[in-house]
Amino acid sequence: MGRSRRPKPKHLAKKLKQIRLELGWSQVEMAKQLKPDSFLHPGHISEFENDKRERPLPLLSKYAQLADVYVDDLIDDSVEL
């Protein structure tokens, strides 16, 4: 039996990149800002923004804090930032 995949937000990667760009940070700086909560390499930021790597909930929480938005706004495809 194959494992079913849970639905993924379609616009999450775009929103994460939007947050970083609106903050005016490079991927390196974003990794530094997120790092206290998790182990991150700057390359991970690119993978998050290109939907190549799963984003753990604590990381999404930190993104939301940095952008002053709710986590729900990040994962709800009907909400624009």
C-alpha atoms as a PDB file:
ATOM      1  CA  MET A   1       0.000   0.000   0.000  1.00  0.00           C
ATOM      2  CA  GLY A   2       1.330   3.430  -0.919  1.00  0.00           C
ATOM      3  CA  ARG A   3       1.305   6.298   1.479  1.00  0.00           C
ATOM      4  CA  SER A   4      -1.116   9.037   0.627  1.00  0.00           C
ATOM      5  CA  ARG A   5       0.350  12.489   0.326  1.00  0.00           C
ATOM      6  CA  ARG A   6      -1.227  15.248   2.299  1.00  0.00           C
ATOM      7  CA  PRO A   7      -2.373  18.260   0.328  1.00  0.00           C
ATOM      8  CA  LYS A   8       0.215  20.995  -0.016  1.00  0.00           C
ATOM      9  CA  PRO A   9      -0.559  24.690  -0.237  1.00  0.00           C
ATOM     10  CA  LYS A  10       0.001  25.764  -3.823  1.00  0.00           C
ATOM     11  CA  HIS A  11       1.188  29.288  -3.020  1.00  0.00           C
ATOM     12  CA  LEU A  12       3.282  28.695   0.092  1.00  0.00           C
ATOM     13  CA  ALA A  13       6.646  28.736  -1.701  1.00  0.00           C
ATOM     14  CA  LYS A  14       5.758  31.995  -3.455  1.00  0.00           C
ATOM     15  CA  LYS A  15       4.649  33.555  -0.167  1.00  0.00           C
ATOM     16  CA  LEU A  16       7.882  32.574   1.579  1.00  0.00           C
ATOM     17  CA  LYS A  17       9.913  34.201  -1.183  1.00  0.00           C
ATOM     18  CA  GLN A  18       7.669  37.266  -1.057  1.00  0.00           C
ATOM     19  CA  ILE A  19       8.311  37.605   2.673  1.00  0.00           C
ATOM     20  CA  ARG A  20      12.070  37.416   2.215  1.00  0.00           C
ATOM     21  CA  LEU A  21      12.067  39.947  -0.612  1.00  0.00           C
ATOM     22  CA  GLU A  22       9.793  42.360   1.267  1.00  0.00           C
ATOM     23  CA  LEU A  23      12.168  42.167   4.225  1.00  0.00           C
ATOM     24  CA  GLY A  24      15.005  42.987   1.806  1.00  0.00           C
ATOM     25  CA  TRP A  25      17.052  39.962   2.824  1.00  0.00           C
ATOM     26  CA  SER A  26      19.231  37.609   0.845  1.00  0.00           C
ATOM     27  CA  GLN A  27      18.776  33.873   1.265  1.00  0.00           C
ATOM     28  CA  VAL A  28      21.841  33.893   3.520  1.00  0.00           C
ATOM     29  CA  GLU A  29      20.330  36.572   5.768  1.00  0.00           C
ATOM     30  CA  MET A  30      16.971  34.759   5.860  1.00  0.00           C
ATOM     31  CA  ALA A  31      18.711  31.570   6.979  1.00  0.00           C
ATOM     32  CA  LYS A  32      20.467  33.521   9.746  1.00  0.00           C
ATOM     33  CA  GLN A  33      17.167  34.999  10.930  1.00  0.00           C
ATOM     34  CA  LEU A  34      15.450  31.595  10.943  1.00  0.00           C
ATOM     35  CA  LYS A  35      18.398  29.601  12.277  1.00  0.00           C
ATOM     36  CA  PRO A  36      17.836  30.007  16.019  1.00  0.00           C
ATOM     37  CA  ASP A  37      14.740  27.826  15.657  1.00  0.00           C
ATOM     38  CA  SER A  38      16.161  25.180  13.342  1.00  0.00           C
ATOM     39  CA  PHE A  39      19.247  23.980  11.475  1.00  0.00           C
ATOM     40  CA  LEU A  40      19.278  25.769   8.167  1.00  0.00           C
ATOM     41  CA  HIS A  41      21.715  26.163   5.354  1.00  0.00           C
ATOM     42  CA  PRO A  42      21.139  29.095   2.978  1.00  0.00           C
ATOM     43  CA  GLY A  43      20.461  26.549   0.226  1.00  0.00           C
ATOM     44  CA  HIS A  44      17.427  25.382   2.173  1.00  0.00           C
ATOM     45  CA  ILE A  45      15.817  28.797   1.674  1.00  0.00           C
ATOM     46  CA  SER A  46      16.040  28.325  -2.086  1.00  0.00           C
ATOM     47  CA  GLU A  47      14.519  24.857  -1.743  1.00  0.00           C
ATOM     48  CA  PHE A  48      11.640  26.239   0.367  1.00  0.00           C
ATOM     49  CA  GLU A  49      10.999  28.997  -2.162  1.00  0.00           C
ATOM     50  CA  ASN A  50      11.042  26.542  -5.065  1.00  0.00           C
ATOM     51  CA  ASP A  51       8.836  23.989  -3.302  1.00  0.00           C
ATOM     52  CA  LYS A  52      11.635  21.407  -3.275  1.00  0.00           C
ATOM     53  CA  ARG A  53      11.773  20.905   0.513  1.00  0.00           C
ATOM     54  CA  GLU A  54       9.102  20.392   3.154  1.00  0.00           C
ATOM     55  CA  ARG A  55       8.730  23.301   5.573  1.00  0.00           C
ATOM     56  CA  PRO A  56       8.345  22.240   9.224  1.00  0.00           C
ATOM     57  CA  LEU A  57       5.653  23.991  11.247  1.00  0.00           C
ATOM     58  CA  PRO A  58       8.114  25.739  13.621  1.00  0.00           C
ATOM     59  CA  LEU A  59       9.828  27.227  10.586  1.00  0.00           C
ATOM     60  CA  LEU A  60       6.525  28.470   9.167  1.00  0.00           C
ATOM     61  CA  SER A  61       5.769  29.981  12.554  1.00  0.00           C
ATOM     62  CA  LYS A  62       9.063  31.882  12.455  1.00  0.00           C
ATOM     63  CA  TYR A  63       8.375  33.113   8.904  1.00  0.00           C
ATOM     64  CA  ALA A  64       4.959  34.326  10.076  1.00  0.00           C
ATOM     65  CA  GLN A  65       6.514  36.144  13.046  1.00  0.00           C
ATOM     66  CA  LEU A  66       9.084  37.851  10.849  1.00  0.00           C
ATOM     67  CA  ALA A  67       6.382  38.965   8.398  1.00  0.00           C
ATOM     68  CA  ASP A  68       3.862  39.852  11.130  1.00  0.00           C
ATOM     69  CA  VAL A  69       1.198  37.569   9.647  1.00  0.00           C
ATOM     70  CA  TYR A  70      -0.659  34.498  10.869  1.00  0.00           C
ATOM     71  CA  VAL A  71       0.599  31.037   9.916  1.00  0.00           C
ATOM     72  CA  ASP A  72      -2.904  30.441   8.519  1.00  0.00           C
ATOM     73  CA  ASP A  73      -2.262  33.258   6.037  1.00  0.00           C
ATOM     74  CA  LEU A  74       0.826  31.439   4.781  1.00  0.00           C
ATOM     75  CA  ILE A  75      -0.885  28.118   4.175  1.00  0.00           C
ATOM     76  CA  ASP A  76      -4.306  29.344   3.023  1.00  0.00           C
ATOM     77  CA  ASP A  77      -4.134  29.635  -0.761  1.00  0.00           C
ATOM     78  CA  SER A  78      -7.129  31.992  -0.803  1.00  0.00           C
ATOM     79  CA  VAL A  79      -5.222  34.602   1.258  1.00  0.00           C
ATOM     80  CA  GLU A  80      -2.792  37.019  -0.372  1.00  0.00           C
ATOM     81  CA  LEU A  81      -0.052  38.596   1.698  1.00  0.00           C
END
